[in-house]
Amino acid sequence: MTQNIDGHFDVLIAGAGISGIGSAYHLQTQCPGKSYLILEAMEDFGGTWRTHTYPGIRSDSDLYTFGYRFKPWVGPPIATAEEILNYMGEVIDENEIAPHIQYSHTITAASYSSEEKLWTVRATNSATGKEKTYTCTFLWMCQGYYNHAEGYTPEWDGMEDFAGEIVHPQTWPEDIDLKGKRVVCIGSGATAATLVPAIAGECEHVTLLQRSPTYFFPAENRSEFADELRRIGVSDELVHELARKKALFDQDETCQRCLTEPDVVKAELLEAARGYLGPDFDIDKHFTPSYRPWQQRLAFIPDGDLFQGIASGAASVVTDEIDRFTETGLLLKSGERLDADIIVTATGFNLSVLGGIPFEVDGAPVDFSQTVTYRGMMFTGVPNMAWVFGYFRASWTLRVDLMGDFVCRLLNHMDAEGMDEVRVELRAEDKDMEILPWMDADNFNPGYLMRAMHLMPKRGSNPIWEHTQDYWKERDELPTVDLTAEEFVYSRRAAARSTAA
């Protein structure tokens, strides 16, 4: 549908990353009469896959589940950023989403009027500096969960003394020269596990420095199941559907085993590491975490490339804490010194709650930490808005698809009932429930989430007021949510509003 990209829209989508593009597809497919606009701060689509340009950048989820359910994936399960961007570009082209995207527009404020049942959104064009104002009935927040402009780097003593270069992967310099350099990469998550093997053959030597170990799951970057289906002539669409079901079955089985037999899973993961690193490598020190598998994200390493880099001698791993930076590198708490020309701080994200945008409802600022979340996607006191926050133990995009169905069903229900506003409110049975942090730290506790938990919306002890992080449960529950239930409060505007731009 061709439309004017200024003025009023039925739905405004924030962000043209994996969440925003998927949400746009569902909106125009399931609510074909709705006008919509996507506002994207960057100069092109892609979100994370446009922001991150460090060597080796790739998915840490398989593309059969990280890809959309409606668009077959035909490449290897773990894909490069370039492959993911190409895939997203095809979705945009095939579904004519491009005319609905306005790039280089950063949302600076969003305010809701209960009288008009409208959001007013201000955005600044980064190319011209000009501010634009839009109105919409529903706001679909798909901007992600971290600050794209700057990653998290702890403050260590002596950083100003280091004579070399300090780099965060999220802001990787285009002109960095690694040839002949000694590199130390601080971190133990998926970014470090991706970057270290990618540069191991380019620099003189790279050392992975981790304060504590992470579980890694090495496996071939191929799906034998999908390959066999293709070999016998099954269509790409059916291969995608079946490979997706198989991947989800395997993931669910692994998650359940991590809860019911964590010691067995732990032993299997450590044995897999020994298969690459050999019997004499100190697996207990460097690759045996203190937590159970999947209490933090289980990092997949395709073809065991991180272990291969260490086994070859091009990379090494040190498990220790940093005492301070020195002129030539790092002094560790053990007294060991690591010399370096370049230090990479693969130390994580700065979590951002709804893009750090100032929100108001009826002139009052919204403090999201004082709201309670409805299933991790809507918030008490904030009407006509949904936030896409994906899964940690399963692919983020699985929730994009589920929420796409839910939001579209909600919008269609409102139209059918002649309603202009929906709010979620605590029910009578919820008044005395316990109000808790967004995430149970015993369930999932990555550093970036723990550092910012005080900023996040709250959850309630009653099930509908929490983000379960359980795709397999939500897959069954979300399609059957009763939109007439007590927690949904609908209303109409007092008088018809002209929709002329």
Protein backbone atom coordinates (compact mmCIF):
# COMPACT_ATOMS: atom_id res chain seq x y z
CA MET A 1 0.00 0.00 0.00
CA THR A 2 1.46 3.36 -1.02
CA GLN A 3 1.12 6.03 1.64
CA ASN A 4 2.31 9.44 2.73
CA ILE A 5 5.16 9.04 5.23
CA ASP A 6 4.18 12.13 7.27
CA GLY A 7 1.22 12.59 9.59
CA HIS A 8 -1.01 10.01 11.22
CA PHE A 9 -0.68 6.21 11.08
CA ASP A 10 -2.66 3.40 12.61
CA VAL A 11 0.56 1.77 13.81
CA LEU A 12 4.05 3.16 14.25
CA ILE A 13 6.87 0.61 14.50
CA ALA A 14 10.11 1.65 16.19
CA GLY A 15 13.11 -0.02 14.55
CA ALA A 16 13.87 -1.78 11.26
CA GLY A 17 15.85 -4.63 12.75
CA ILE A 18 14.89 -8.30 12.90
CA SER A 19 11.91 -7.47 15.19
CA GLY A 20 10.61 -4.46 13.27
CA ILE A 21 10.71 -6.07 9.83
CA GLY A 22 9.03 -9.23 11.12
CA SER A 23 6.36 -7.21 12.91
CA ALA A 24 5.71 -5.16 9.75
CA TYR A 25 5.20 -8.36 7.75
CA HIS A 26 2.65 -9.69 10.24
CA LEU A 27 0.86 -6.34 10.44
CA GLN A 28 0.36 -5.92 6.71
CA THR A 29 -0.51 -9.61 6.29
CA GLN A 30 -2.93 -9.97 9.20
CA CYS A 31 -4.22 -6.37 9.35
CA PRO A 32 -4.09 -5.37 5.69
CA GLY A 33 -6.18 -2.24 6.15
CA LYS A 34 -3.83 -0.67 8.69
CA SER A 35 -1.51 2.17 7.70
CA TYR A 36 1.92 1.95 9.29
CA LEU A 37 5.35 3.54 9.39
CA ILE A 38 8.70 2.18 10.57
CA LEU A 39 11.09 4.74 12.06
CA GLU A 40 14.72 3.59 12.00
CA ALA A 41 17.58 5.57 13.56
CA MET A 42 20.27 4.05 11.34
CA GLU A 43 20.76 4.66 7.62
CA ASP A 44 19.62 1.17 6.66
CA PHE A 45 17.77 -1.86 8.01
CA GLY A 46 19.31 -4.61 10.08
CA GLY A 47 19.61 -3.44 13.69
CA THR A 48 22.19 -5.63 15.44
CA TRP A 49 23.44 -6.98 12.13
CA ARG A 50 24.09 -3.46 10.88
CA THR A 51 25.57 -2.18 14.16
CA HIS A 52 28.09 -4.93 14.74
CA THR A 53 30.95 -5.11 12.24
CA TYR A 54 33.64 -6.90 14.22
CA PRO A 55 35.45 -9.82 12.52
CA GLY A 56 33.45 -13.03 12.28
CA ILE A 57 30.12 -11.50 13.35
CA ARG A 58 27.51 -14.24 13.09
CA SER A 59 24.33 -15.53 14.67
CA ASP A 60 24.55 -17.50 17.88
CA SER A 61 21.20 -19.16 17.14
CA ASP A 62 20.38 -21.46 14.25
CA LEU A 63 18.69 -19.69 11.36
CA TYR A 64 15.95 -22.28 11.09
CA THR A 65 14.56 -20.77 14.32
CA PHE A 66 16.19 -17.33 14.17
CA GLY A 67 14.80 -16.86 10.68
CA TYR A 68 11.13 -15.98 10.35
CA ARG A 69 8.63 -18.82 10.18
CA PHE A 70 7.25 -17.39 6.92
CA LYS A 71 10.56 -17.12 5.05
CA PRO A 72 12.57 -20.30 4.33
CA TRP A 73 16.24 -20.32 5.32
CA VAL A 74 18.44 -22.20 2.86
CA GLY A 75 21.97 -21.56 4.18
CA PRO A 76 24.03 -23.04 7.02
CA PRO A 77 22.37 -23.00 10.47
CA ILE A 78 24.82 -20.43 11.86
CA ALA A 79 24.94 -17.46 9.51
CA THR A 80 27.15 -14.41 9.04
CA ALA A 81 25.81 -10.88 9.48
CA GLU A 82 26.00 -10.43 5.71
CA GLU A 83 23.88 -13.52 5.11
CA ILE A 84 21.30 -12.36 7.66
CA LEU A 85 21.14 -8.89 6.11
CA ASN A 86 20.62 -10.45 2.67
CA TYR A 87 17.81 -12.58 4.11
CA MET A 88 16.15 -9.54 5.70
CA GLY A 89 16.53 -7.59 2.46
CA GLU A 90 14.67 -10.33 0.61
CA VAL A 91 11.83 -10.15 3.14
CA ILE A 92 11.61 -6.38 2.63
CA ASP A 93 11.66 -6.66 -1.17
CA GLU A 94 9.29 -9.62 -1.45
CA ASN A 95 6.71 -7.95 0.77
CA GLU A 96 7.13 -4.34 -0.40
CA ILE A 97 7.98 -3.11 3.07
CA ALA A 98 10.58 -0.54 1.93
CA PRO A 99 8.07 2.28 1.19
CA HIS A 100 6.97 2.12 4.84
CA ILE A 101 10.47 2.70 6.30
CA GLN A 102 11.90 6.09 7.15
CA TYR A 103 15.63 5.81 7.85
CA SER A 104 17.92 8.15 9.83
CA HIS A 105 15.05 9.12 12.12
CA THR A 106 15.70 8.83 15.84
CA ILE A 107 12.68 8.88 18.15
CA THR A 108 13.26 11.52 20.82
CA ALA A 109 9.93 11.47 22.70
CA ALA A 110 6.58 9.69 22.81
CA SER A 111 3.50 10.99 24.61
CA TYR A 112 0.02 9.48 24.90
CA SER A 113 -3.29 11.30 25.27
CA SER A 114 -6.09 9.32 26.91
CA GLU A 115 -8.59 11.87 25.65
CA GLU A 116 -7.57 11.54 22.00
CA LYS A 117 -6.46 7.89 22.31
CA LEU A 118 -3.32 8.80 20.38
CA TRP A 119 0.43 8.63 20.65
CA THR A 120 2.40 11.67 19.52
CA VAL A 121 5.93 10.70 18.52
CA ARG A 122 8.76 13.13 17.85
CA ALA A 123 11.75 12.07 15.77
CA THR A 124 14.86 13.85 14.54
CA ASN A 125 16.32 13.36 11.08
CA SER A 126 20.03 12.79 11.71
CA ALA A 127 20.93 13.95 8.20
CA THR A 128 19.15 17.32 8.38
CA GLY A 129 18.64 17.86 12.10
CA LYS A 130 14.97 18.52 11.38
CA GLU A 131 12.41 17.32 13.90
CA LYS A 132 9.21 15.65 12.71
CA THR A 133 6.04 14.84 14.59
CA TYR A 134 3.84 11.82 13.95
CA THR A 135 0.70 10.50 15.55
CA CYS A 136 -0.43 6.89 15.77
CA THR A 137 -3.05 4.82 17.48
CA PHE A 138 -0.74 1.95 18.42
CA LEU A 139 2.99 2.00 19.14
CA TRP A 140 4.94 -1.20 18.43
CA MET A 141 8.39 -0.97 20.02
CA CYS A 142 10.89 -3.12 18.12
CA GLN A 143 14.09 -1.19 18.83
CA GLY A 144 15.78 -4.00 20.77
CA TYR A 145 17.06 -4.14 24.31
CA TYR A 146 20.52 -2.55 24.31
CA ASN A 147 22.22 0.74 23.50
CA HIS A 148 23.44 0.43 19.91
CA ALA A 149 25.71 3.48 20.16
CA GLU A 150 27.95 2.24 22.95
CA GLY A 151 28.81 -1.12 24.51
CA TYR A 152 29.56 -1.83 28.15
CA THR A 153 33.18 -1.45 29.25
CA PRO A 154 34.02 -1.63 32.96
CA GLU A 155 36.35 0.97 34.46
CA TRP A 156 39.67 -0.61 35.39
CA ASP A 157 42.54 1.14 37.11
CA GLY A 158 45.28 2.31 34.80
CA MET A 159 43.31 2.29 31.55
CA GLU A 160 44.73 5.71 30.71
CA ASP A 161 48.27 4.29 31.12
CA PHE A 162 47.91 1.70 28.35
CA ALA A 163 49.96 2.73 25.32
CA GLY A 164 48.05 0.58 22.87
CA GLU A 165 44.48 0.65 21.57
CA ILE A 166 41.35 -0.28 23.54
CA VAL A 167 38.44 -1.39 21.36
CA HIS A 168 34.89 -2.52 22.07
CA PRO A 169 33.48 -4.96 19.45
CA GLN A 170 30.26 -2.95 19.20
CA THR A 171 32.21 0.05 17.86
CA TRP A 172 34.84 -1.83 15.84
CA PRO A 173 37.12 0.61 13.93
CA GLU A 174 37.18 0.18 10.16
CA ASP A 175 40.89 1.05 9.97
CA ILE A 176 42.19 -1.19 12.75
CA ASP A 177 45.34 -3.13 11.78
CA LEU A 178 45.75 -6.47 13.54
CA LYS A 179 48.66 -7.79 11.51
CA GLY A 180 51.60 -8.69 13.72
CA LYS A 181 49.79 -7.44 16.84
CA ARG A 182 49.37 -9.09 20.23
CA VAL A 183 45.69 -8.96 21.08
CA VAL A 184 43.95 -9.63 24.39
CA CYS A 185 40.18 -10.12 24.20
CA ILE A 186 38.46 -9.63 27.56
CA GLY A 187 35.24 -11.60 27.85
CA SER A 188 33.80 -15.08 27.72
CA GLY A 189 30.47 -14.78 25.92
CA ALA A 190 29.31 -15.28 22.35
CA THR A 191 31.06 -12.14 21.07
CA ALA A 192 34.45 -13.18 22.40
CA ALA A 193 33.93 -16.74 21.17
CA THR A 194 33.18 -15.37 17.70
CA LEU A 195 35.90 -12.76 17.49
CA VAL A 196 38.86 -14.75 18.84
CA PRO A 197 38.89 -17.51 16.18
CA ALA A 198 38.11 -14.93 13.46
CA ILE A 199 41.30 -12.94 14.17
CA ALA A 200 43.52 -15.80 15.35
CA GLY A 201 45.07 -16.23 11.91
CA GLU A 202 45.47 -12.50 11.30
CA CYS A 203 47.23 -11.18 14.41
CA GLU A 204 50.49 -12.43 15.94
CA HIS A 205 48.57 -14.02 18.82
CA VAL A 206 45.22 -13.54 20.55
CA THR A 207 44.52 -14.32 24.19
CA LEU A 208 41.01 -14.85 25.49
CA LEU A 209 41.01 -13.40 29.02
CA GLN A 210 37.99 -14.42 31.06
CA ARG A 211 37.14 -13.73 34.67
CA SER A 212 35.08 -16.91 34.78
CA PRO A 213 34.36 -19.70 32.28
CA THR A 214 31.37 -20.11 29.97
CA TYR A 215 29.77 -23.29 28.65
CA PHE A 216 30.39 -23.75 24.94
CA PHE A 217 28.57 -26.15 22.68
CA PRO A 218 30.67 -27.16 19.65
CA ALA A 219 29.00 -28.81 16.67
CA GLU A 220 29.12 -28.90 12.89
CA ASN A 221 27.64 -25.86 11.17
CA ARG A 222 25.21 -27.93 9.17
CA SER A 223 21.89 -29.66 9.63
CA GLU A 224 22.12 -33.27 8.51
CA PHE A 225 18.34 -33.46 8.78
CA ALA A 226 17.78 -30.48 6.45
CA ASP A 227 20.50 -31.63 4.05
CA GLU A 228 18.89 -35.06 3.73
CA LEU A 229 15.46 -33.54 3.12
CA ARG A 230 16.90 -31.40 0.34
CA ARG A 231 18.73 -34.38 -1.13
CA ILE A 232 15.48 -36.27 -1.58
CA GLY A 233 13.80 -33.26 -3.22
CA VAL A 234 11.73 -31.74 -0.43
CA SER A 235 10.81 -28.09 -1.15
CA ASP A 236 12.60 -25.26 0.63
CA GLU A 237 9.37 -24.25 2.36
CA LEU A 238 8.80 -27.72 3.80
CA VAL A 239 12.49 -28.18 4.68
CA HIS A 240 12.34 -24.91 6.64
CA GLU A 241 9.20 -25.95 8.47
CA LEU A 242 10.48 -29.41 9.37
CA ALA A 243 14.04 -28.31 10.21
CA ARG A 244 12.55 -25.58 12.41
CA LYS A 245 10.40 -28.14 14.25
CA LYS A 246 13.40 -30.43 14.68
CA ALA A 247 15.60 -27.59 16.00
CA LEU A 248 12.91 -26.50 18.45
CA PHE A 249 12.41 -30.07 19.65
CA ASP A 250 16.15 -30.46 20.22
CA GLN A 251 16.41 -27.10 22.01
CA ASP A 252 13.50 -27.90 24.29
CA GLU A 253 15.00 -31.27 25.10
CA THR A 254 18.34 -29.64 25.94
CA CYS A 255 16.71 -26.98 28.16
CA GLN A 256 14.74 -29.62 30.04
CA ARG A 257 17.82 -31.77 30.51
CA CYS A 258 19.73 -28.77 31.88
CA LEU A 259 17.10 -28.61 34.62
CA THR A 260 16.54 -32.29 35.28
CA GLU A 261 20.08 -33.66 34.79
CA PRO A 262 22.46 -30.67 34.80
CA ASP A 263 25.47 -32.75 35.83
CA VAL A 264 25.03 -35.09 32.86
CA VAL A 265 24.74 -32.20 30.40
CA LYS A 266 27.74 -30.53 32.01
CA ALA A 267 29.81 -33.69 31.58
CA GLU A 268 28.79 -33.93 27.91
CA LEU A 269 29.78 -30.32 27.21
CA LEU A 270 33.15 -30.70 28.91
CA GLU A 271 33.85 -33.94 27.07
CA ALA A 272 33.11 -32.19 23.78
CA ALA A 273 35.68 -29.52 24.69
CA ARG A 274 38.26 -32.21 25.52
CA GLY A 275 37.70 -33.74 22.11
CA TYR A 276 39.16 -30.58 20.55
CA LEU A 277 41.65 -29.53 23.23
CA GLY A 278 43.07 -32.89 24.26
CA PRO A 279 43.33 -34.71 27.59
CA ASP A 280 46.10 -32.50 29.00
CA PHE A 281 44.29 -29.19 28.64
CA ASP A 282 43.01 -27.72 31.93
CA ILE A 283 39.30 -27.96 31.17
CA ASP A 284 38.35 -27.59 34.84
CA LYS A 285 39.98 -24.17 35.09
CA HIS A 286 39.13 -22.65 31.74
CA PHE A 287 35.85 -24.20 30.57
CA THR A 288 33.97 -25.34 33.70
CA PRO A 289 31.56 -22.62 34.91
CA SER A 290 30.26 -22.41 38.46
CA TYR A 291 26.64 -22.30 37.28
CA ARG A 292 24.51 -25.00 35.70
CA PRO A 293 24.18 -25.19 31.89
CA TRP A 294 21.69 -22.63 30.48
CA GLN A 295 21.59 -20.52 33.65
CA GLN A 296 23.40 -18.17 31.30
CA ARG A 297 23.23 -18.40 27.53
CA LEU A 298 24.81 -21.55 26.13
CA ALA A 299 27.21 -20.30 23.45
CA PHE A 300 27.29 -22.31 20.23
CA ILE A 301 30.64 -22.47 18.43
CA PRO A 302 30.28 -23.79 14.88
CA ASP A 303 32.75 -26.53 14.02
CA GLY A 304 34.43 -25.88 17.38
CA ASP A 305 36.34 -22.97 15.83
CA LEU A 306 37.26 -21.37 19.18
CA PHE A 307 38.66 -24.67 20.47
CA GLN A 308 40.46 -25.24 17.18
CA GLY A 309 42.14 -21.84 17.45
CA ILE A 310 43.35 -22.62 20.96
CA ALA A 311 44.50 -26.12 20.02
CA SER A 312 46.51 -24.73 17.09
CA GLY A 313 48.38 -22.27 19.30
CA ALA A 314 47.14 -19.22 17.40
CA ALA A 315 44.95 -18.41 20.40
CA SER A 316 45.17 -19.08 24.11
CA VAL A 317 42.89 -18.72 27.11
CA VAL A 318 43.64 -17.23 30.53
CA THR A 319 41.18 -17.39 33.41
CA ASP A 320 41.96 -14.67 35.93
CA GLU A 321 40.83 -11.25 37.11
CA ILE A 322 42.30 -7.92 36.07
CA ASP A 323 44.18 -6.00 38.73
CA ARG A 324 44.97 -3.03 36.48
CA PHE A 325 45.99 -1.91 33.03
CA THR A 326 49.66 -1.11 32.53
CA GLU A 327 51.54 0.72 29.81
CA THR A 328 52.25 -2.57 28.03
CA GLY A 329 49.11 -4.55 28.79
CA LEU A 330 47.44 -6.03 31.83
CA LEU A 331 48.46 -7.00 35.36
CA LEU A 332 46.27 -9.83 36.63
CA LYS A 333 45.23 -10.57 40.21
CA SER A 334 47.46 -13.67 40.15
CA GLY A 335 50.48 -11.48 39.39
CA GLU A 336 50.71 -12.66 35.80
CA ARG A 337 51.25 -10.00 33.14
CA LEU A 338 49.73 -10.06 29.69
CA ASP A 339 51.46 -7.88 27.11
CA ALA A 340 49.25 -6.48 24.37
CA ASP A 341 49.20 -4.02 21.52
CA ILE A 342 45.40 -4.07 21.33
CA ILE A 343 42.91 -4.87 24.09
CA VAL A 344 39.38 -5.78 23.02
CA THR A 345 36.69 -5.37 25.68
CA ALA A 346 34.06 -7.95 24.70
CA THR A 347 32.37 -7.20 27.99
CA GLY A 348 28.74 -6.94 26.94
CA PHE A 349 25.89 -4.54 26.34
CA ASN A 350 24.41 -1.54 28.05
CA LEU A 351 20.80 -2.59 28.40
CA SER A 352 18.33 0.04 27.22
CA VAL A 353 14.70 -0.01 28.33
CA LEU A 354 12.55 0.85 25.29
CA GLY A 355 15.41 2.66 23.61
CA GLY A 356 15.84 5.13 26.47
CA ILE A 357 13.04 7.20 24.92
CA PRO A 358 11.22 9.56 27.31
CA PHE A 359 7.58 8.43 27.49
CA GLU A 360 4.62 10.34 28.88
CA VAL A 361 1.01 9.38 29.46
CA ASP A 362 -1.35 12.34 29.90
CA GLY A 363 1.60 14.62 30.63
CA ALA A 364 3.11 12.42 33.36
CA PRO A 365 6.52 10.80 32.72
CA VAL A 366 6.48 7.00 32.56
CA ASP A 367 8.92 5.21 34.86
CA PHE A 368 8.91 1.70 33.43
CA SER A 369 10.55 0.32 36.56
CA GLN A 370 7.30 1.15 38.38
CA THR A 371 5.11 -0.69 35.87
CA VAL A 372 4.21 -4.37 35.88
CA THR A 373 4.61 -6.29 32.66
CA TYR A 374 1.88 -8.31 31.00
CA ARG A 375 3.64 -11.39 29.63
CA GLY A 376 6.79 -9.34 28.98
CA MET A 377 5.19 -7.30 26.18
CA MET A 378 2.69 -4.75 27.61
CA PHE A 379 2.83 -2.62 30.75
CA THR A 380 0.38 -1.38 33.35
CA GLY A 381 -0.39 2.31 32.92
CA VAL A 382 0.86 2.45 29.30
CA PRO A 383 -1.99 2.12 26.75
CA ASN A 384 -1.83 1.02 23.11
CA MET A 385 1.77 -0.14 23.16
CA ALA A 386 3.70 -3.40 22.92
CA TRP A 387 7.45 -4.06 23.29
CA VAL A 388 9.10 -6.98 21.51
CA PHE A 389 11.49 -8.62 23.94
CA GLY A 390 12.59 -11.99 22.68
CA TYR A 391 13.94 -15.19 24.16
CA PHE A 392 17.36 -15.93 25.62
CA ARG A 393 17.16 -19.73 25.63
CA ALA A 394 15.57 -19.84 22.21
CA SER A 395 15.90 -17.63 19.14
CA TRP A 396 14.80 -14.03 19.60
CA THR A 397 12.77 -14.12 16.39
CA LEU A 398 10.48 -16.88 17.63
CA ARG A 399 8.85 -14.29 19.84
CA VAL A 400 8.68 -11.78 16.98
CA ASP A 401 6.40 -14.23 15.17
CA LEU A 402 4.32 -15.07 18.27
CA MET A 403 3.91 -11.42 19.21
CA GLY A 404 3.08 -10.56 15.61
CA ASP A 405 0.12 -12.91 15.83
CA PHE A 406 -0.91 -11.61 19.25
CA VAL A 407 -0.70 -7.89 18.48
CA CYS A 408 -2.55 -8.30 15.17
CA ARG A 409 -5.26 -10.35 16.87
CA LEU A 410 -5.54 -7.63 19.53
CA LEU A 411 -5.82 -4.86 16.92
CA ASN A 412 -8.44 -6.78 14.95
CA HIS A 413 -10.39 -7.44 18.14
CA MET A 414 -10.38 -3.72 18.96
CA ASP A 415 -11.66 -2.91 15.48
CA ALA A 416 -14.39 -5.51 15.72
CA GLU A 417 -15.55 -4.08 19.06
CA GLY A 418 -15.17 -0.45 17.97
CA MET A 419 -12.51 0.25 20.60
CA ASP A 420 -9.75 2.85 20.32
CA GLU A 421 -7.69 2.02 23.40
CA VAL A 422 -6.49 -1.02 25.32
CA ARG A 423 -4.75 -1.01 28.67
CA VAL A 424 -3.61 -3.87 30.84
CA GLU A 425 -4.51 -3.55 34.51
CA LEU A 426 -4.04 -5.75 37.55
CA ARG A 427 -7.12 -7.83 38.34
CA ALA A 428 -8.72 -8.08 41.75
CA GLU A 429 -6.92 -11.38 42.27
CA ASP A 430 -3.57 -9.67 41.54
CA LYS A 431 -3.81 -6.91 44.14
CA ASP A 432 -1.91 -8.85 46.81
CA MET A 433 0.49 -10.74 44.56
CA GLU A 434 4.21 -10.36 45.10
CA ILE A 435 5.92 -7.78 42.85
CA LEU A 436 9.31 -9.05 41.72
CA PRO A 437 12.24 -8.10 39.46
CA TRP A 438 11.79 -8.59 35.70
CA MET A 439 13.81 -11.82 35.72
CA ASP A 440 14.46 -14.42 38.40
CA ALA A 441 18.26 -14.38 38.77
CA ASP A 442 18.25 -18.09 39.51
CA ASN A 443 16.51 -18.66 36.18
CA PHE A 444 18.70 -16.42 33.99
CA ASN A 445 21.41 -14.01 35.11
CA PRO A 446 23.66 -12.52 32.39
CA GLY A 447 25.67 -9.52 33.53
CA TYR A 448 23.98 -6.95 31.26
CA LEU A 449 20.57 -7.86 32.67
CA MET A 450 21.71 -7.93 36.31
CA ARG A 451 23.38 -4.51 35.96
CA ALA A 452 20.16 -2.91 34.73
CA MET A 453 17.47 -4.93 36.52
CA HIS A 454 16.46 -1.87 38.57
CA LEU A 455 15.50 -0.08 35.34
CA MET A 456 13.31 -2.86 33.97
CA PRO A 457 9.55 -3.25 34.43
CA LYS A 458 8.50 -5.49 37.30
CA ARG A 459 6.87 -8.89 37.11
CA GLY A 460 4.17 -10.31 39.33
CA SER A 461 4.00 -13.69 41.00
CA ASN A 462 0.83 -14.54 39.07
CA PRO A 463 1.78 -16.14 35.72
CA ILE A 464 0.29 -13.61 33.29
CA TRP A 465 2.42 -10.83 34.82
CA GLU A 466 5.80 -12.27 33.91
CA HIS A 467 7.99 -12.90 30.89
CA THR A 468 8.45 -16.65 31.24
CA GLN A 469 11.28 -16.88 28.67
CA ASP A 470 9.64 -20.18 27.75
CA TYR A 471 8.88 -20.32 24.02
CA TRP A 472 7.37 -23.78 24.23
CA LYS A 473 4.86 -22.60 26.85
CA GLU A 474 4.04 -19.33 25.09
CA ARG A 475 3.66 -21.10 21.75
CA ASP A 476 0.56 -22.75 23.20
CA GLU A 477 -0.64 -19.95 25.49
CA LEU A 478 -0.44 -16.75 23.43
CA PRO A 479 -2.74 -17.89 20.59
CA THR A 480 -5.42 -18.77 23.15
CA VAL A 481 -5.26 -15.64 25.33
CA ASP A 482 -8.81 -14.43 26.02
CA LEU A 483 -8.81 -10.83 24.81
CA THR A 484 -12.02 -10.18 26.76
CA ALA A 485 -10.43 -11.19 30.06
CA GLU A 486 -10.44 -8.84 33.06
CA GLU A 487 -6.81 -7.72 32.59
CA PHE A 488 -7.68 -6.03 29.26
CA VAL A 489 -9.49 -2.72 29.68
CA TYR A 490 -10.86 -1.15 26.50
CA SER A 491 -12.35 2.26 25.78
CA ARG A 492 -13.49 4.49 22.93
CA ARG A 493 -12.54 8.09 22.27
CA ALA A 494 -15.22 10.59 23.21
CA ALA A 495 -15.68 11.94 19.71
CA ALA A 496 -14.63 10.86 16.22
CA ARG A 497 -11.24 12.21 15.26
CA SER A 498 -10.36 13.42 11.81
CA THR A 499 -7.51 11.33 10.42
CA ALA A 500 -6.44 13.92 7.89
CA ALA A 501 -2.67 14.41 8.00
